Amino acid sequence: MNRIGNTDLEVFPLCLGGNVFGWTAGERESFAVLDAYAEAGGNFIDTADSYPQWAAGRQGACGRAGRSPGPAAPPRRC
């Protein structure tokens, strides 16, 4: 784990970009990636929903800004 600045916050060395979850990656694929990342110790997910603003249907990262990547899926924290 890497410590962020002078804080006690420790994050996984690889940040997972979540902008495809619930948008171009479906529910099954999204959870497979998220589950594999968590199982590997990942805890650092980029959920910015400011890019790409130009794309049609763009609703945000990580299943629309923190919601589940699938309509019938149970809620999970991103």
N, C-alpha and C. Protein backbone atom coordinates (compact mmCIF):
# COMPACT_ATOMS: atom_id res chain seq x y z
N MET A 1 0.83 -1.18 0.00
CA MET A 1 0.00 0.00 0.00
C MET A 1 0.89 1.25 0.00
N ASN A 2 0.34 2.32 -0.53
CA ASN A 2 1.03 3.61 -0.56
C ASN A 2 0.26 4.60 0.31
N ARG A 3 0.99 5.36 1.07
CA ARG A 3 0.38 6.38 1.91
C ARG A 3 0.22 7.66 1.10
N ILE A 4 -0.91 8.34 1.25
CA ILE A 4 -1.16 9.59 0.53
C ILE A 4 -0.70 10.75 1.42
N GLY A 5 0.33 11.43 0.97
CA GLY A 5 0.85 12.61 1.67
C GLY A 5 1.16 12.34 3.12
N ASN A 6 0.79 13.26 3.97
CA ASN A 6 1.03 13.14 5.41
C ASN A 6 -0.19 12.60 6.15
N THR A 7 -1.06 11.89 5.44
CA THR A 7 -2.27 11.35 6.04
C THR A 7 -2.06 9.91 6.48
N ASP A 8 -3.06 9.35 7.13
CA ASP A 8 -3.04 7.93 7.48
C ASP A 8 -3.69 7.08 6.39
N LEU A 9 -4.10 7.71 5.29
CA LEU A 9 -4.78 7.01 4.21
C LEU A 9 -3.79 6.20 3.39
N GLU A 10 -4.04 4.90 3.31
CA GLU A 10 -3.20 4.02 2.50
C GLU A 10 -4.03 3.45 1.36
N VAL A 11 -3.48 3.53 0.16
CA VAL A 11 -4.19 3.07 -1.03
C VAL A 11 -3.35 2.07 -1.81
N PHE A 12 -4.04 1.25 -2.55
CA PHE A 12 -3.42 0.28 -3.44
C PHE A 12 -2.56 1.02 -4.47
N PRO A 13 -1.43 0.46 -4.89
CA PRO A 13 -0.55 1.18 -5.82
C PRO A 13 -1.15 1.41 -7.21
N LEU A 14 -2.21 0.70 -7.54
CA LEU A 14 -2.83 0.85 -8.86
C LEU A 14 -4.25 1.37 -8.69
N CYS A 15 -4.52 2.53 -9.24
CA CYS A 15 -5.86 3.11 -9.20
C CYS A 15 -6.68 2.54 -10.35
N LEU A 16 -7.86 2.04 -10.05
CA LEU A 16 -8.75 1.47 -11.07
C LEU A 16 -9.68 2.56 -11.60
N GLY A 17 -9.64 2.79 -12.89
CA GLY A 17 -10.55 3.75 -13.52
C GLY A 17 -11.94 3.16 -13.62
N GLY A 18 -12.92 3.82 -13.04
CA GLY A 18 -14.27 3.28 -12.99
C GLY A 18 -15.23 3.89 -13.98
N ASN A 19 -14.74 4.65 -14.95
CA ASN A 19 -15.66 5.37 -15.82
C ASN A 19 -16.43 4.48 -16.79
N VAL A 20 -16.09 3.21 -16.89
CA VAL A 20 -16.82 2.33 -17.82
C VAL A 20 -17.94 1.56 -17.13
N PHE A 21 -17.92 1.50 -15.81
CA PHE A 21 -18.90 0.70 -15.08
C PHE A 21 -20.29 1.30 -15.21
N GLY A 22 -21.23 0.48 -15.67
CA GLY A 22 -22.58 0.94 -15.85
C GLY A 22 -22.78 1.78 -17.10
N TRP A 23 -21.77 1.84 -17.93
CA TRP A 23 -21.86 2.63 -19.16
C TRP A 23 -21.49 1.76 -20.34
N THR A 24 -20.22 1.45 -20.53
CA THR A 24 -19.81 0.57 -21.63
C THR A 24 -19.56 -0.85 -21.17
N ALA A 25 -19.37 -1.06 -19.88
CA ALA A 25 -19.24 -2.41 -19.32
C ALA A 25 -20.56 -2.75 -18.63
N GLY A 26 -21.07 -3.90 -18.94
CA GLY A 26 -22.33 -4.33 -18.36
C GLY A 26 -22.18 -4.76 -16.91
N GLU A 27 -23.28 -5.15 -16.31
CA GLU A 27 -23.30 -5.53 -14.90
C GLU A 27 -22.35 -6.67 -14.59
N ARG A 28 -22.41 -7.73 -15.35
CA ARG A 28 -21.56 -8.90 -15.10
C ARG A 28 -20.08 -8.54 -15.21
N GLU A 29 -19.73 -7.84 -16.27
CA GLU A 29 -18.33 -7.46 -16.48
C GLU A 29 -17.85 -6.48 -15.40
N SER A 30 -18.71 -5.54 -15.05
CA SER A 30 -18.35 -4.54 -14.04
C SER A 30 -18.05 -5.21 -12.70
N PHE A 31 -18.95 -6.09 -12.26
CA PHE A 31 -18.72 -6.75 -10.98
C PHE A 31 -17.53 -7.69 -11.03
N ALA A 32 -17.28 -8.33 -12.18
CA ALA A 32 -16.11 -9.21 -12.29
C ALA A 32 -14.83 -8.41 -12.10
N VAL A 33 -14.74 -7.25 -12.73
CA VAL A 33 -13.54 -6.41 -12.59
C VAL A 33 -13.43 -5.88 -11.16
N LEU A 34 -14.52 -5.35 -10.62
CA LEU A 34 -14.49 -4.81 -9.26
C LEU A 34 -14.15 -5.89 -8.23
N ASP A 35 -14.74 -7.07 -8.38
CA ASP A 35 -14.46 -8.15 -7.44
C ASP A 35 -13.00 -8.61 -7.52
N ALA A 36 -12.47 -8.74 -8.74
CA ALA A 36 -11.07 -9.15 -8.90
C ALA A 36 -10.12 -8.10 -8.31
N TYR A 37 -10.43 -6.85 -8.53
CA TYR A 37 -9.62 -5.75 -7.99
C TYR A 37 -9.64 -5.78 -6.46
N ALA A 38 -10.81 -5.94 -5.87
CA ALA A 38 -10.92 -5.99 -4.41
C ALA A 38 -10.21 -7.21 -3.84
N GLU A 39 -10.34 -8.35 -4.51
CA GLU A 39 -9.68 -9.57 -4.06
C GLU A 39 -8.16 -9.44 -4.09
N ALA A 40 -7.65 -8.61 -5.01
CA ALA A 40 -6.20 -8.37 -5.11
C ALA A 40 -5.73 -7.33 -4.09
N GLY A 41 -6.66 -6.78 -3.32
CA GLY A 41 -6.31 -5.78 -2.32
C GLY A 41 -6.60 -4.36 -2.73
N GLY A 42 -7.18 -4.16 -3.91
CA GLY A 42 -7.46 -2.83 -4.41
C GLY A 42 -8.48 -2.08 -3.58
N ASN A 43 -8.20 -0.79 -3.37
CA ASN A 43 -9.11 0.05 -2.61
C ASN A 43 -9.09 1.50 -3.12
N PHE A 44 -8.64 1.69 -4.35
CA PHE A 44 -8.40 3.03 -4.89
C PHE A 44 -9.05 3.10 -6.28
N ILE A 45 -10.26 3.63 -6.35
CA ILE A 45 -11.02 3.65 -7.61
C ILE A 45 -11.33 5.09 -7.99
N ASP A 46 -10.97 5.45 -9.21
CA ASP A 46 -11.25 6.78 -9.75
C ASP A 46 -12.71 6.79 -10.19
N THR A 47 -13.53 7.57 -9.50
CA THR A 47 -14.95 7.64 -9.83
C THR A 47 -15.35 8.99 -10.41
N ALA A 48 -14.38 9.74 -10.91
CA ALA A 48 -14.69 11.04 -11.51
C ALA A 48 -15.68 10.86 -12.66
N ASP A 49 -16.67 11.71 -12.71
CA ASP A 49 -17.64 11.62 -13.80
C ASP A 49 -17.58 12.85 -14.70
N SER A 50 -16.42 13.47 -14.75
CA SER A 50 -16.28 14.67 -15.57
C SER A 50 -15.71 14.38 -16.96
N TYR A 51 -15.37 13.17 -17.25
CA TYR A 51 -14.85 12.83 -18.56
C TYR A 51 -15.43 11.50 -18.99
N PRO A 52 -15.76 11.31 -20.21
CA PRO A 52 -15.89 12.31 -21.26
C PRO A 52 -17.28 12.92 -21.25
N GLN A 53 -17.38 14.18 -20.98
CA GLN A 53 -18.67 14.87 -20.94
C GLN A 53 -19.37 14.87 -22.30
N TRP A 54 -18.59 14.76 -23.37
CA TRP A 54 -19.15 14.85 -24.71
C TRP A 54 -19.88 13.60 -25.16
N ALA A 55 -19.70 12.48 -24.47
CA ALA A 55 -20.25 11.22 -24.95
C ALA A 55 -21.76 11.13 -24.67
N ALA A 56 -22.51 10.73 -25.67
CA ALA A 56 -23.95 10.57 -25.52
C ALA A 56 -24.26 9.53 -24.46
N GLY A 57 -25.18 9.81 -23.59
CA GLY A 57 -25.59 8.87 -22.56
C GLY A 57 -24.67 8.80 -21.36
N ARG A 58 -23.69 9.67 -21.32
CA ARG A 58 -22.71 9.66 -20.23
C ARG A 58 -23.41 10.03 -18.92
N GLN A 59 -23.33 9.12 -17.92
CA GLN A 59 -24.01 9.37 -16.66
C GLN A 59 -23.08 9.30 -15.46
N GLY A 60 -21.80 9.16 -15.65
CA GLY A 60 -20.88 9.16 -14.52
C GLY A 60 -20.17 7.84 -14.33
N ALA A 61 -19.19 7.87 -13.50
CA ALA A 61 -18.33 6.72 -13.29
C ALA A 61 -18.89 5.79 -12.23
N CYS A 62 -18.35 4.59 -12.24
CA CYS A 62 -18.66 3.58 -11.22
C CYS A 62 -20.15 3.39 -11.06
N GLY A 63 -20.81 3.11 -12.14
CA GLY A 63 -22.25 2.87 -12.08
C GLY A 63 -23.04 4.10 -11.74
N ARG A 64 -22.78 5.18 -12.43
CA ARG A 64 -23.47 6.45 -12.24
C ARG A 64 -23.18 7.01 -10.85
N ALA A 65 -21.91 7.40 -10.68
CA ALA A 65 -21.42 8.11 -9.49
C ALA A 65 -21.67 7.37 -8.19
N GLY A 66 -21.26 6.12 -8.15
CA GLY A 66 -21.29 5.39 -6.90
C GLY A 66 -22.43 4.42 -6.71
N ARG A 67 -23.37 4.40 -7.63
CA ARG A 67 -24.46 3.44 -7.53
C ARG A 67 -24.02 2.13 -8.16
N SER A 68 -24.82 1.13 -7.99
CA SER A 68 -24.52 -0.19 -8.52
C SER A 68 -24.44 -0.16 -10.04
N PRO A 69 -23.49 -0.95 -10.66
CA PRO A 69 -23.38 -0.96 -12.11
C PRO A 69 -24.48 -1.73 -12.82
N GLY A 70 -25.44 -2.28 -12.11
CA GLY A 70 -26.54 -2.99 -12.74
C GLY A 70 -27.84 -2.67 -12.05
N PRO A 71 -28.94 -2.61 -12.81
CA PRO A 71 -30.22 -2.22 -12.24
C PRO A 71 -30.75 -3.19 -11.19
N ALA A 72 -30.47 -4.47 -11.31
CA ALA A 72 -30.99 -5.45 -10.36
C ALA A 72 -29.95 -5.86 -9.33
N ALA A 73 -28.78 -5.29 -9.39
CA ALA A 73 -27.71 -5.68 -8.49
C ALA A 73 -27.87 -5.04 -7.12
N PRO A 74 -27.43 -5.76 -6.08
CA PRO A 74 -27.48 -5.15 -4.75
C PRO A 74 -26.50 -3.98 -4.66
N PRO A 75 -26.78 -2.99 -3.84
CA PRO A 75 -25.88 -1.86 -3.70
C PRO A 75 -24.51 -2.28 -3.20
N ARG A 76 -23.48 -1.69 -3.76
CA ARG A 76 -22.10 -1.91 -3.33
C ARG A 76 -21.40 -0.58 -3.30
N ARG A 77 -20.50 -0.43 -2.39
CA ARG A 77 -19.69 0.80 -2.38
C ARG A 77 -18.62 0.67 -3.41
N CYS A 78 -18.39 1.72 -4.15
CA CYS A 78 -17.34 1.74 -5.17
C CYS A 78 -16.00 1.97 -4.53
